[in-house]
Amino acid sequence: MQAPTPLAVLLTLAAILVLPGTSRAQSSPAAPTDSTLEHTLEAGEATVAAPRRKLVHWNEYEGPFFTIRAGAGFLYEGATYVQDDESKQQFDLDPDTKVRDFRFLLKGRFKFKRPVTWTAGIMYDGPTDSWLMRETGIMVAVPELWGHLFIGRTKEGFSLNKVMTGYAGWTMERATFSDATVPILGDGVKWLGYVPSWHLLWNAGYYLDSYNARQAFSTYDHQVVLRIAWLPLLSESDRTLLHLGVNGRFGHVDEDELQLRSRPEAFPAPYFVDTGKFSASATRMAGWEAYYRRGPWMFGSEYWFQAVSAPASGDPVFHGGDVVATWLITGETRAYNTVGGYFKAVSPARTVFEGGPGAWEAVARFSYIDLDSGVLRGGKFWRFTPMVNWHLSDQLRLELAYGYGTLDRFGLRGGTHFFQSRIQMHL
């Protein structure tokens, strides 16, 4: 299958945005809510969410028995590098541009007495030049269990930043340790619960590979995941939130062979840290997540440890995480979903299409990964990334990032400067 060219994708999405009805929607946008807390949940919490303001309406259908909403997302980025001599000996990096993500989405609900929602997604995968099924399944509200049950393909529920869709994240890529150790999706059952009076939420899931054995994310035969978070500070009036969470995960490795690896938070770059394939029977992960939000400011950190049952490799223990700070210069507050326990995408107070500045966001993050343990030498890597996000509207975002990272691998310690840009569109 031939890959869609960036120009073809851009023209397609541009045509979508200017079809009849668009100008009317832009001149009279739906009045968005100013709430910074969301207390409802639908199937596909980790997919590209419907924007607050709607540019078009033709992509929605509401019938007597069910609803359907069609959406799409597109990410295109470029990266270039400046390396010191040691880094050049480790990797030969060349400037490059790539389609990071291109997907179609369908979501809706069935009009039953008990709330039932559904989601389906298909994504173009650049590295394999193929189309893959993404988050797809049905979510049923179960108030008897203080929440919802999701059945199908979804995010495991490990790590707040991993649960969020990449389109909503504050940085271009998730932290290196998260990418190396936690599969992006799983097929199974997930229970999402929330007790408002206690400000307590949880995700508990069981996943297996009966239907995804050929997918790139299928690195485990089965896995069990538990995430619990407490919100000791939760105020809509002063836009304050404190999220404290712990996570645990156990997985039986697929075919008793494991490989942990990650790019340096730059998709066009090769894998900087890589253990190579080694014999392993199971992994156990645990760690924390902590986020504080007050108005336009947000501070957060996640850190994880993974113990691997691999006697021949010395039963290695790997670790890593990140620390991040963000500031919405134009004054917006990043909304938070209390049921799912994750942050949502930034929505500008006044978009550029309304004559406003959009939303400007400054970000600084430090991340670290250590894949040296036992007899394995996958490498150690840290990176500091200051960047700027310009959210022109709910559907359009531009990102500019600089990063400096140091890789300790192959008996060398090399430094690399990263210069990255990305355009993001979704409908």
Foldseek 3Di string as FASTA:
>chain_A
DDDDDPVNVVVVVVCVLPPPPQVVQLVPWDDFDQFQEAADDFQPQAHADDFRTDRHDPQWDDDPFKIKGKKKKWKKKKKDKDWDPLVCVQDPDHTDIDTPKIKMKMKMWTPDPWTKIWIWMWIQDVVVRDIDTARTWMKTADVVQQGIKTAFKAAQLFDQVLRHHCVADPANDFFFVCQFPGQSMFGWMKTWHADVVQQKIKIWTKGACPPPCPPPSPFFRIKIKIKIWHWPDDDRVQLKTKIKMKMKMKTFTDVQKDKTWGCRSDVVGDTQFIQPIAGFGMKMKIWMKIWIFGFQKIKIKIKMKMFTHHVVQPRWIKIKIKIKMKGFPQGGGFHAYSRSGYTGHTFFPAAVSNVDQAIKMWMWMKIWIAPDTRNTPRWIKIKIKIWMKGGRGSFKIKIWIWMWMWICGPPGIMIMIMTMIMIMGMD
